[in-house]
Amino acid sequence: MSLAGHFLDRDEVGAELARAGFDTTARLDRGPSTPRELPSRRCYLLAVRPHGVAP
């Protein structure tokens, strides 16, 4: 399996989601989980489009 990742500013991504009409329902920020992992901050956002809002 292959997975591509991109390092983006977490606040900018959250703002873009809001501008697109999404509500952020969860956010997880973390540092590296193992010594072999790239030493960077990670952020995972879960966003939903509110019910009744057209795409």
C-alpha atoms as a PDB file:
ATOM      1  CA  MET A   1       0.000   0.000   0.000  1.00  0.00           C
ATOM      2  CA  SER A   2       1.185   3.518  -0.729  1.00  0.00           C
ATOM      3  CA  LEU A   3      -0.012   6.670   0.964  1.00  0.00           C
ATOM      4  CA  ALA A   4       0.964  10.201  -0.015  1.00  0.00           C
ATOM      5  CA  GLY A   5       1.014  12.960   2.574  1.00  0.00           C
ATOM      6  CA  HIS A   6       1.399  16.697   2.376  1.00  0.00           C
ATOM      7  CA  PHE A   7       2.536  19.167   5.013  1.00  0.00           C
ATOM      8  CA  LEU A   8       0.009  22.005   5.068  1.00  0.00           C
ATOM      9  CA  ASP A   9      -0.707  24.689   7.647  1.00  0.00           C
ATOM     10  CA  ARG A  10      -3.445  23.252   9.871  1.00  0.00           C
ATOM     11  CA  ASP A  11      -5.103  26.619  10.516  1.00  0.00           C
ATOM     12  CA  GLU A  12      -5.202  27.439   6.805  1.00  0.00           C
ATOM     13  CA  VAL A  13      -6.795  24.071   6.029  1.00  0.00           C
ATOM     14  CA  GLY A  14      -9.387  24.623   8.773  1.00  0.00           C
ATOM     15  CA  ALA A  15     -10.176  28.084   7.388  1.00  0.00           C
ATOM     16  CA  GLU A  16     -10.528  26.691   3.848  1.00  0.00           C
ATOM     17  CA  LEU A  17     -12.925  24.024   5.117  1.00  0.00           C
ATOM     18  CA  ALA A  18     -15.020  26.693   6.855  1.00  0.00           C
ATOM     19  CA  ARG A  19     -15.079  28.867   3.714  1.00  0.00           C
ATOM     20  CA  ALA A  20     -16.279  25.837   1.743  1.00  0.00           C
ATOM     21  CA  GLY A  21     -19.205  25.412   4.163  1.00  0.00           C
ATOM     22  CA  PHE A  22     -17.861  22.588   6.325  1.00  0.00           C
ATOM     23  CA  ASP A  23     -17.966  22.368  10.120  1.00  0.00           C
ATOM     24  CA  THR A  24     -14.894  20.897  11.808  1.00  0.00           C
ATOM     25  CA  THR A  25     -16.157  18.304  14.288  1.00  0.00           C
ATOM     26  CA  ALA A  26     -12.826  16.929  15.498  1.00  0.00           C
ATOM     27  CA  ARG A  27      -9.160  17.898  15.438  1.00  0.00           C
ATOM     28  CA  LEU A  28      -6.185  15.860  16.602  1.00  0.00           C
ATOM     29  CA  ASP A  29      -2.728  17.426  16.845  1.00  0.00           C
ATOM     30  CA  ARG A  30       0.266  15.240  17.591  1.00  0.00           C
ATOM     31  CA  GLY A  31       4.018  15.032  17.347  1.00  0.00           C
ATOM     32  CA  PRO A  32       6.060  12.103  16.031  1.00  0.00           C
ATOM     33  CA  SER A  33       4.944   8.774  17.471  1.00  0.00           C
ATOM     34  CA  THR A  34       8.214   6.880  16.968  1.00  0.00           C
ATOM     35  CA  PRO A  35      11.868   7.932  16.838  1.00  0.00           C
ATOM     36  CA  ARG A  36      11.975   6.836  13.169  1.00  0.00           C
ATOM     37  CA  GLU A  37       9.094   9.113  12.147  1.00  0.00           C
ATOM     38  CA  LEU A  38       9.843  12.533  10.660  1.00  0.00           C
ATOM     39  CA  PRO A  39      10.000  14.982  13.608  1.00  0.00           C
ATOM     40  CA  SER A  40       7.064  17.206  12.690  1.00  0.00           C
ATOM     41  CA  ARG A  41       3.672  18.208  14.057  1.00  0.00           C
ATOM     42  CA  ARG A  42       0.674  16.378  12.576  1.00  0.00           C
ATOM     43  CA  CYS A  43      -2.939  17.443  12.477  1.00  0.00           C
ATOM     44  CA  TYR A  44      -5.974  15.404  11.502  1.00  0.00           C
ATOM     45  CA  LEU A  45      -9.245  17.226  10.839  1.00  0.00           C
ATOM     46  CA  LEU A  46     -12.700  15.691  10.568  1.00  0.00           C
ATOM     47  CA  ALA A  47     -15.189  17.985   8.871  1.00  0.00           C
ATOM     48  CA  VAL A  48     -18.800  17.588   7.781  1.00  0.00           C
ATOM     49  CA  ARG A  49     -21.120  19.632   5.616  1.00  0.00           C
ATOM     50  CA  PRO A  50     -24.130  20.685   7.728  1.00  0.00           C
ATOM     51  CA  HIS A  51     -27.445  19.012   6.904  1.00  0.00           C
ATOM     52  CA  GLY A  52     -29.391  20.951   4.312  1.00  0.00           C
ATOM     53  CA  VAL A  53     -26.398  22.828   2.907  1.00  0.00           C
ATOM     54  CA  ALA A  54     -25.973  22.163  -0.804  1.00  0.00           C
ATOM     55  CA  PRO A  55     -22.508  21.272  -2.122  1.00  0.00           C
END
